[in-house]
Amino acid sequence: MSAYDPNNIFAKILRGEIPCFKVYEDDKTLAFLDIMPRATGHTLVIPKAPARNILDIEAEDLAAVIRTARKIAVAAKAAFGADGITLNQYSEPAGGQEVFHLHVHVIPRHDGVPMKPAASIREDMGVLKANADKLAAALAG
């Protein structure tokens, strides 16, 4: 396994060097919308601690990510009228990981509606903003 790269895109988002559609933040995690969502409301949850993936993250940081992923899942199911939620986490290239900062995908799902292919369609920024506002409101309420 390679070392953590502090210049990965999610590290840059954490440092405020790249904008994101943030929906939730606490002292250990950040959650924001995926700009190429596989379904409406597709959110990424990342630790603030530098961790390449599940193979090197500290247990308490992973626990914080999972707590936040659950919080996002409950709110996303309500906000987007989803029938279910898919959680994905990929580690290392052979496992499908493309961005080497641990992240969990929280994807609202509707019966009979397939997910879009991964990294296939960049969503309109206005749509992302509206979806971020909707999810943030569900989290606040």
N, C-alpha and C. Protein backbone atom coordinates (compact mmCIF):
# COMPACT_ATOMS: atom_id res chain seq x y z
N MET A 1 0.85 -1.19 0.00
CA MET A 1 0.00 0.00 0.00
C MET A 1 0.88 1.24 0.00
N SER A 2 0.52 2.20 -0.80
CA SER A 2 1.25 3.46 -0.88
C SER A 2 0.93 4.34 0.32
N ALA A 3 1.76 5.34 0.52
CA ALA A 3 1.55 6.30 1.61
C ALA A 3 0.41 7.25 1.26
N TYR A 4 -0.17 7.85 2.29
CA TYR A 4 -1.21 8.85 2.10
C TYR A 4 -0.65 10.06 1.36
N ASP A 5 -1.36 10.54 0.36
CA ASP A 5 -0.96 11.71 -0.41
C ASP A 5 -1.76 12.92 0.07
N PRO A 6 -1.12 13.88 0.75
CA PRO A 6 -1.86 15.04 1.26
C PRO A 6 -2.35 15.99 0.18
N ASN A 7 -2.06 15.70 -1.08
CA ASN A 7 -2.54 16.54 -2.18
C ASN A 7 -3.69 15.90 -2.95
N ASN A 8 -4.32 14.86 -2.37
CA ASN A 8 -5.47 14.28 -3.04
C ASN A 8 -6.64 15.28 -3.00
N ILE A 9 -7.61 15.08 -3.87
CA ILE A 9 -8.69 16.06 -4.01
C ILE A 9 -9.49 16.25 -2.72
N PHE A 10 -9.69 15.18 -1.94
CA PHE A 10 -10.47 15.33 -0.71
C PHE A 10 -9.68 16.07 0.36
N ALA A 11 -8.37 15.89 0.40
CA ALA A 11 -7.53 16.66 1.32
C ALA A 11 -7.61 18.14 0.96
N LYS A 12 -7.64 18.44 -0.34
CA LYS A 12 -7.76 19.83 -0.79
C LYS A 12 -9.13 20.40 -0.42
N ILE A 13 -10.17 19.59 -0.50
CA ILE A 13 -11.51 20.04 -0.07
C ILE A 13 -11.48 20.35 1.43
N LEU A 14 -10.87 19.46 2.21
CA LEU A 14 -10.78 19.68 3.66
C LEU A 14 -10.05 20.98 4.00
N ARG A 15 -9.03 21.31 3.22
CA ARG A 15 -8.26 22.54 3.46
C ARG A 15 -8.93 23.78 2.88
N GLY A 16 -10.06 23.61 2.18
CA GLY A 16 -10.76 24.74 1.59
C GLY A 16 -10.16 25.21 0.28
N GLU A 17 -9.30 24.41 -0.32
CA GLU A 17 -8.66 24.79 -1.59
C GLU A 17 -9.56 24.51 -2.79
N ILE A 18 -10.51 23.61 -2.62
CA ILE A 18 -11.47 23.25 -3.65
C ILE A 18 -12.85 23.32 -3.02
N PRO A 19 -13.83 23.94 -3.68
CA PRO A 19 -15.17 24.03 -3.09
C PRO A 19 -15.91 22.70 -3.15
N CYS A 20 -16.92 22.59 -2.31
CA CYS A 20 -17.78 21.41 -2.34
C CYS A 20 -19.19 21.83 -1.92
N PHE A 21 -20.14 20.95 -2.13
CA PHE A 21 -21.51 21.17 -1.68
C PHE A 21 -21.67 20.46 -0.34
N LYS A 22 -21.18 21.13 0.71
CA LYS A 22 -21.18 20.56 2.06
C LYS A 22 -22.60 20.44 2.59
N VAL A 23 -22.88 19.28 3.20
CA VAL A 23 -24.19 19.07 3.82
C VAL A 23 -24.07 18.85 5.33
N TYR A 24 -22.86 18.47 5.80
CA TYR A 24 -22.68 18.21 7.23
C TYR A 24 -21.20 18.25 7.55
N GLU A 25 -20.91 18.73 8.77
CA GLU A 25 -19.52 18.73 9.25
C GLU A 25 -19.54 18.66 10.77
N ASP A 26 -18.63 17.87 11.33
CA ASP A 26 -18.39 17.88 12.76
C ASP A 26 -16.88 17.88 12.98
N ASP A 27 -16.44 17.63 14.19
CA ASP A 27 -15.00 17.73 14.46
C ASP A 27 -14.17 16.64 13.79
N LYS A 28 -14.78 15.52 13.39
CA LYS A 28 -14.03 14.41 12.80
C LYS A 28 -14.38 14.09 11.36
N THR A 29 -15.51 14.61 10.86
CA THR A 29 -15.96 14.22 9.51
C THR A 29 -16.50 15.39 8.71
N LEU A 30 -16.56 15.19 7.41
CA LEU A 30 -17.16 16.13 6.48
C LEU A 30 -18.00 15.31 5.50
N ALA A 31 -19.20 15.79 5.18
CA ALA A 31 -20.06 15.13 4.20
C ALA A 31 -20.45 16.15 3.14
N PHE A 32 -20.33 15.76 1.88
CA PHE A 32 -20.63 16.65 0.76
C PHE A 32 -21.14 15.82 -0.41
N LEU A 33 -21.86 16.48 -1.33
CA LEU A 33 -22.42 15.78 -2.47
C LEU A 33 -21.35 15.41 -3.48
N ASP A 34 -21.52 14.23 -4.06
CA ASP A 34 -20.67 13.79 -5.16
C ASP A 34 -21.08 14.60 -6.39
N ILE A 35 -20.12 15.16 -7.12
CA ILE A 35 -20.45 15.98 -8.28
C ILE A 35 -20.81 15.14 -9.50
N MET A 36 -20.53 13.83 -9.43
CA MET A 36 -20.96 12.90 -10.47
C MET A 36 -21.79 11.81 -9.80
N PRO A 37 -22.98 12.20 -9.33
CA PRO A 37 -23.79 11.28 -8.53
C PRO A 37 -24.31 10.09 -9.31
N ARG A 38 -24.35 8.95 -8.63
CA ARG A 38 -24.93 7.75 -9.22
C ARG A 38 -26.44 7.74 -9.04
N ALA A 39 -26.94 8.61 -8.12
CA ALA A 39 -28.37 8.80 -7.89
C ALA A 39 -28.52 10.16 -7.20
N THR A 40 -29.72 10.72 -7.23
CA THR A 40 -29.98 12.01 -6.59
C THR A 40 -29.68 11.91 -5.09
N GLY A 41 -28.88 12.87 -4.61
CA GLY A 41 -28.53 12.91 -3.19
C GLY A 41 -27.27 12.13 -2.83
N HIS A 42 -26.59 11.55 -3.80
CA HIS A 42 -25.36 10.79 -3.57
C HIS A 42 -24.36 11.66 -2.81
N THR A 43 -24.01 11.22 -1.61
CA THR A 43 -23.16 11.99 -0.70
C THR A 43 -21.91 11.21 -0.35
N LEU A 44 -20.81 11.92 -0.16
CA LEU A 44 -19.55 11.32 0.28
C LEU A 44 -19.29 11.74 1.72
N VAL A 45 -18.88 10.81 2.55
CA VAL A 45 -18.51 11.08 3.94
C VAL A 45 -17.04 10.75 4.08
N ILE A 46 -16.25 11.73 4.56
CA ILE A 46 -14.81 11.52 4.70
C ILE A 46 -14.36 11.88 6.12
N PRO A 47 -13.27 11.24 6.56
CA PRO A 47 -12.70 11.65 7.84
C PRO A 47 -11.85 12.90 7.65
N LYS A 48 -11.74 13.69 8.68
CA LYS A 48 -10.83 14.83 8.62
C LYS A 48 -9.38 14.37 8.83
N ALA A 49 -9.22 13.25 9.49
CA ALA A 49 -7.88 12.68 9.68
C ALA A 49 -7.37 12.14 8.34
N PRO A 50 -6.08 12.28 8.09
CA PRO A 50 -5.52 11.72 6.86
C PRO A 50 -5.52 10.20 6.91
N ALA A 51 -6.27 9.58 6.03
CA ALA A 51 -6.33 8.12 5.94
C ALA A 51 -6.54 7.75 4.48
N ARG A 52 -5.67 6.93 3.96
CA ARG A 52 -5.77 6.51 2.57
C ARG A 52 -7.04 5.71 2.33
N ASN A 53 -7.34 4.77 3.24
CA ASN A 53 -8.55 3.95 3.10
C ASN A 53 -8.79 3.16 4.38
N ILE A 54 -9.67 2.19 4.33
CA ILE A 54 -10.05 1.43 5.52
C ILE A 54 -8.88 0.63 6.11
N LEU A 55 -7.86 0.40 5.30
CA LEU A 55 -6.72 -0.40 5.75
C LEU A 55 -5.76 0.36 6.65
N ASP A 56 -5.87 1.69 6.70
CA ASP A 56 -4.93 2.45 7.55
C ASP A 56 -5.59 3.48 8.46
N ILE A 57 -6.91 3.56 8.46
CA ILE A 57 -7.59 4.54 9.30
C ILE A 57 -7.61 4.06 10.75
N GLU A 58 -7.49 4.99 11.67
CA GLU A 58 -7.62 4.66 13.09
C GLU A 58 -9.07 4.28 13.38
N ALA A 59 -9.26 3.36 14.30
CA ALA A 59 -10.60 2.83 14.60
C ALA A 59 -11.58 3.93 15.00
N GLU A 60 -11.14 4.87 15.83
CA GLU A 60 -12.06 5.93 16.28
C GLU A 60 -12.45 6.86 15.13
N ASP A 61 -11.55 7.08 14.18
CA ASP A 61 -11.88 7.90 13.02
C ASP A 61 -12.85 7.17 12.10
N LEU A 62 -12.67 5.87 11.94
CA LEU A 62 -13.60 5.07 11.13
C LEU A 62 -14.97 5.06 11.78
N ALA A 63 -15.01 4.93 13.11
CA ALA A 63 -16.29 4.94 13.82
C ALA A 63 -17.02 6.26 13.59
N ALA A 64 -16.29 7.36 13.58
CA ALA A 64 -16.90 8.67 13.34
C ALA A 64 -17.46 8.75 11.92
N VAL A 65 -16.74 8.21 10.95
CA VAL A 65 -17.22 8.20 9.56
C VAL A 65 -18.51 7.40 9.46
N ILE A 66 -18.56 6.25 10.11
CA ILE A 66 -19.76 5.41 10.03
C ILE A 66 -20.94 6.09 10.74
N ARG A 67 -20.69 6.74 11.87
CA ARG A 67 -21.77 7.47 12.55
C ARG A 67 -22.33 8.56 11.63
N THR A 68 -21.44 9.28 10.97
CA THR A 68 -21.90 10.34 10.06
C THR A 68 -22.61 9.73 8.86
N ALA A 69 -22.10 8.63 8.31
CA ALA A 69 -22.75 7.98 7.17
C ALA A 69 -24.18 7.57 7.54
N ARG A 70 -24.36 7.06 8.75
CA ARG A 70 -25.71 6.69 9.19
C ARG A 70 -26.61 7.91 9.27
N LYS A 71 -26.08 8.99 9.83
CA LYS A 71 -26.85 10.24 9.95
C LYS A 71 -27.27 10.74 8.57
N ILE A 72 -26.35 10.71 7.62
CA ILE A 72 -26.64 11.14 6.24
C ILE A 72 -27.67 10.20 5.62
N ALA A 73 -27.52 8.90 5.83
CA ALA A 73 -28.44 7.92 5.24
C ALA A 73 -29.87 8.15 5.71
N VAL A 74 -30.05 8.36 7.00
CA VAL A 74 -31.40 8.58 7.53
C VAL A 74 -32.00 9.86 6.94
N ALA A 75 -31.21 10.93 6.91
CA ALA A 75 -31.71 12.21 6.38
C ALA A 75 -31.95 12.12 4.88
N ALA A 76 -31.06 11.45 4.14
CA ALA A 76 -31.21 11.35 2.68
C ALA A 76 -32.43 10.53 2.31
N LYS A 77 -32.70 9.47 3.06
CA LYS A 77 -33.89 8.65 2.78
C LYS A 77 -35.15 9.51 2.89
N ALA A 78 -35.19 10.34 3.92
CA ALA A 78 -36.34 11.23 4.10
C ALA A 78 -36.36 12.35 3.07
N ALA A 79 -35.23 13.02 2.87
CA ALA A 79 -35.18 14.19 1.99
C ALA A 79 -35.52 13.86 0.54
N PHE A 80 -35.09 12.68 0.08
CA PHE A 80 -35.28 12.34 -1.32
C PHE A 80 -36.34 11.27 -1.54
N GLY A 81 -37.10 10.95 -0.49
CA GLY A 81 -38.16 9.96 -0.62
C GLY A 81 -37.65 8.61 -1.09
N ALA A 82 -36.44 8.25 -0.65
CA ALA A 82 -35.81 7.01 -1.11
C ALA A 82 -36.46 5.79 -0.47
N ASP A 83 -36.40 4.68 -1.19
CA ASP A 83 -36.89 3.40 -0.68
C ASP A 83 -35.81 2.66 0.10
N GLY A 84 -34.57 3.04 -0.13
CA GLY A 84 -33.43 2.39 0.54
C GLY A 84 -32.18 3.20 0.35
N ILE A 85 -31.10 2.70 0.90
CA ILE A 85 -29.79 3.38 0.84
C ILE A 85 -28.72 2.35 0.48
N THR A 86 -27.81 2.73 -0.39
CA THR A 86 -26.62 1.92 -0.68
C THR A 86 -25.42 2.62 -0.09
N LEU A 87 -24.61 1.87 0.67
CA LEU A 87 -23.32 2.38 1.17
C LEU A 87 -22.23 1.65 0.43
N ASN A 88 -21.23 2.40 -0.07
CA ASN A 88 -20.07 1.80 -0.73
C ASN A 88 -18.80 2.39 -0.15
N GLN A 89 -17.78 1.54 0.01
CA GLN A 89 -16.45 2.00 0.39
C GLN A 89 -15.47 1.11 -0.36
N TYR A 90 -14.54 1.73 -1.08
CA TYR A 90 -13.57 1.00 -1.88
C TYR A 90 -12.17 1.26 -1.33
N SER A 91 -11.34 0.21 -1.26
CA SER A 91 -9.97 0.37 -0.75
C SER A 91 -8.96 -0.23 -1.72
N GLU A 92 -8.03 0.61 -2.14
CA GLU A 92 -6.95 0.27 -3.06
C GLU A 92 -7.49 0.07 -4.48
N PRO A 93 -6.62 0.24 -5.47
CA PRO A 93 -7.06 0.15 -6.87
C PRO A 93 -7.78 -1.17 -7.19
N ALA A 94 -7.29 -2.27 -6.69
CA ALA A 94 -7.93 -3.56 -6.97
C ALA A 94 -9.34 -3.64 -6.37
N GLY A 95 -9.59 -2.83 -5.34
CA GLY A 95 -10.90 -2.78 -4.72
C GLY A 95 -11.81 -1.73 -5.33
N GLY A 96 -11.31 -1.00 -6.32
CA GLY A 96 -12.12 0.00 -7.00
C GLY A 96 -11.89 1.43 -6.54
N GLN A 97 -10.95 1.65 -5.61
CA GLN A 97 -10.71 3.01 -5.10
C GLN A 97 -10.01 3.86 -6.16
N GLU A 98 -10.52 5.10 -6.32
CA GLU A 98 -9.93 6.03 -7.28
C GLU A 98 -9.39 7.29 -6.62
N VAL A 99 -9.99 7.73 -5.51
CA VAL A 99 -9.48 8.86 -4.73
C VAL A 99 -8.95 8.27 -3.44
N PHE A 100 -7.67 8.52 -3.16
CA PHE A 100 -7.01 7.84 -2.06
C PHE A 100 -7.03 8.63 -0.75
N HIS A 101 -8.25 8.95 -0.35
CA HIS A 101 -8.59 9.45 0.98
C HIS A 101 -9.87 8.68 1.32
N LEU A 102 -9.89 7.99 2.43
CA LEU A 102 -11.04 7.16 2.76
C LEU A 102 -12.33 7.95 2.57
N HIS A 103 -13.31 7.32 1.95
CA HIS A 103 -14.62 7.93 1.79
C HIS A 103 -15.68 6.84 1.67
N VAL A 104 -16.85 7.16 2.20
CA VAL A 104 -18.00 6.28 2.12
C VAL A 104 -19.05 6.96 1.27
N HIS A 105 -19.54 6.25 0.28
CA HIS A 105 -20.62 6.73 -0.57
C HIS A 105 -21.95 6.40 0.09
N VAL A 106 -22.82 7.38 0.24
CA VAL A 106 -24.17 7.18 0.76
C VAL A 106 -25.10 7.54 -0.39
N ILE A 107 -25.78 6.52 -0.93
CA ILE A 107 -26.55 6.71 -2.16
C ILE A 107 -28.02 6.36 -1.93
N PRO A 108 -28.90 7.38 -1.94
CA PRO A 108 -30.33 7.10 -1.84
C PRO A 108 -30.79 6.29 -3.06
N ARG A 109 -31.67 5.29 -2.82
CA ARG A 109 -32.11 4.42 -3.91
C ARG A 109 -33.63 4.35 -3.96
N HIS A 110 -34.13 4.21 -5.16
CA HIS A 110 -35.57 4.05 -5.39
C HIS A 110 -35.81 2.72 -6.09
N ASP A 111 -36.83 2.00 -5.64
CA ASP A 111 -37.16 0.70 -6.24
C ASP A 111 -37.25 0.80 -7.76
N GLY A 112 -36.56 -0.11 -8.42
CA GLY A 112 -36.64 -0.20 -9.88
C GLY A 112 -35.83 0.83 -10.63
N VAL A 113 -35.08 1.70 -9.94
CA VAL A 113 -34.27 2.72 -10.61
C VAL A 113 -32.80 2.35 -10.47
N PRO A 114 -32.15 1.99 -11.57
CA PRO A 114 -30.73 1.62 -11.47
C PRO A 114 -29.85 2.84 -11.20
N MET A 115 -28.71 2.60 -10.59
CA MET A 115 -27.74 3.67 -10.40
C MET A 115 -27.08 4.00 -11.73
N LYS A 116 -26.70 5.25 -11.90
CA LYS A 116 -25.91 5.64 -13.07
C LYS A 116 -24.52 5.00 -12.93
N PRO A 117 -23.82 4.82 -14.04
CA PRO A 117 -22.45 4.31 -13.95
C PRO A 117 -21.57 5.28 -13.13
N ALA A 118 -20.60 4.73 -12.46
CA ALA A 118 -19.69 5.55 -11.65
C ALA A 118 -18.96 6.57 -12.51
N ALA A 119 -18.80 7.77 -11.95
CA ALA A 119 -18.05 8.86 -12.59
C ALA A 119 -18.44 9.06 -14.05
N SER A 120 -19.75 9.04 -14.33
CA SER A 120 -20.18 9.11 -15.73
C SER A 120 -20.78 10.45 -16.15
N ILE A 121 -21.56 11.07 -15.27
CA ILE A 121 -22.25 12.30 -15.66
C ILE A 121 -22.05 13.35 -14.57
N ARG A 122 -21.43 14.45 -14.93
CA ARG A 122 -21.25 15.56 -13.99
C ARG A 122 -22.59 16.30 -13.88
N GLU A 123 -23.08 16.40 -12.65
CA GLU A 123 -24.39 17.01 -12.42
C GLU A 123 -24.32 18.53 -12.55
N ASP A 124 -25.41 19.13 -12.96
CA ASP A 124 -25.54 20.58 -13.04
C ASP A 124 -25.33 21.18 -11.64
N MET A 125 -24.56 22.25 -11.56
CA MET A 125 -24.24 22.85 -10.26
C MET A 125 -25.49 23.38 -9.53
N GLY A 126 -26.45 23.87 -10.27
CA GLY A 126 -27.70 24.33 -9.66
C GLY A 126 -28.48 23.19 -9.03
N VAL A 127 -28.48 22.05 -9.70
CA VAL A 127 -29.15 20.87 -9.16
C VAL A 127 -28.43 20.40 -7.90
N LEU A 128 -27.11 20.38 -7.94
CA LEU A 128 -26.34 19.98 -6.75
C LEU A 128 -26.62 20.91 -5.57
N LYS A 129 -26.66 22.20 -5.84
CA LYS A 129 -26.93 23.17 -4.77
C LYS A 129 -28.29 22.93 -4.16
N ALA A 130 -29.30 22.72 -5.01
CA ALA A 130 -30.66 22.46 -4.52
C ALA A 130 -30.70 21.17 -3.70
N ASN A 131 -30.01 20.13 -4.17
CA ASN A 131 -29.99 18.85 -3.45
C ASN A 131 -29.23 18.99 -2.13
N ALA A 132 -28.15 19.76 -2.11
CA ALA A 132 -27.40 19.99 -0.88
C ALA A 132 -28.25 20.73 0.13
N ASP A 133 -28.97 21.74 -0.33
CA ASP A 133 -29.86 22.50 0.57
C ASP A 133 -30.94 21.61 1.13
N LYS A 134 -31.51 20.75 0.30
CA LYS A 134 -32.58 19.85 0.72
C LYS A 134 -32.07 18.86 1.78
N LEU A 135 -30.89 18.31 1.55
CA LEU A 135 -30.32 17.35 2.50
C LEU A 135 -29.90 18.04 3.80
N ALA A 136 -29.29 19.21 3.67
CA ALA A 136 -28.89 19.98 4.89
C ALA A 136 -30.11 20.32 5.73
N ALA A 137 -31.21 20.67 5.08
CA ALA A 137 -32.44 20.99 5.81
C ALA A 137 -32.96 19.75 6.54
N ALA A 138 -32.91 18.60 5.90
CA ALA A 138 -33.34 17.36 6.55
C ALA A 138 -32.45 17.02 7.72
N LEU A 139 -31.17 17.29 7.61
CA LEU A 139 -30.24 17.06 8.71
C LEU A 139 -30.50 17.99 9.87
N ALA A 140 -30.87 19.22 9.57
CA ALA A 140 -31.13 20.23 10.61
C ALA A 140 -32.46 19.99 11.31
N GLY A 141 -33.42 19.40 10.59
CA GLY A 141 -34.76 19.22 11.13
C GLY A 141 -34.90 17.89 11.74
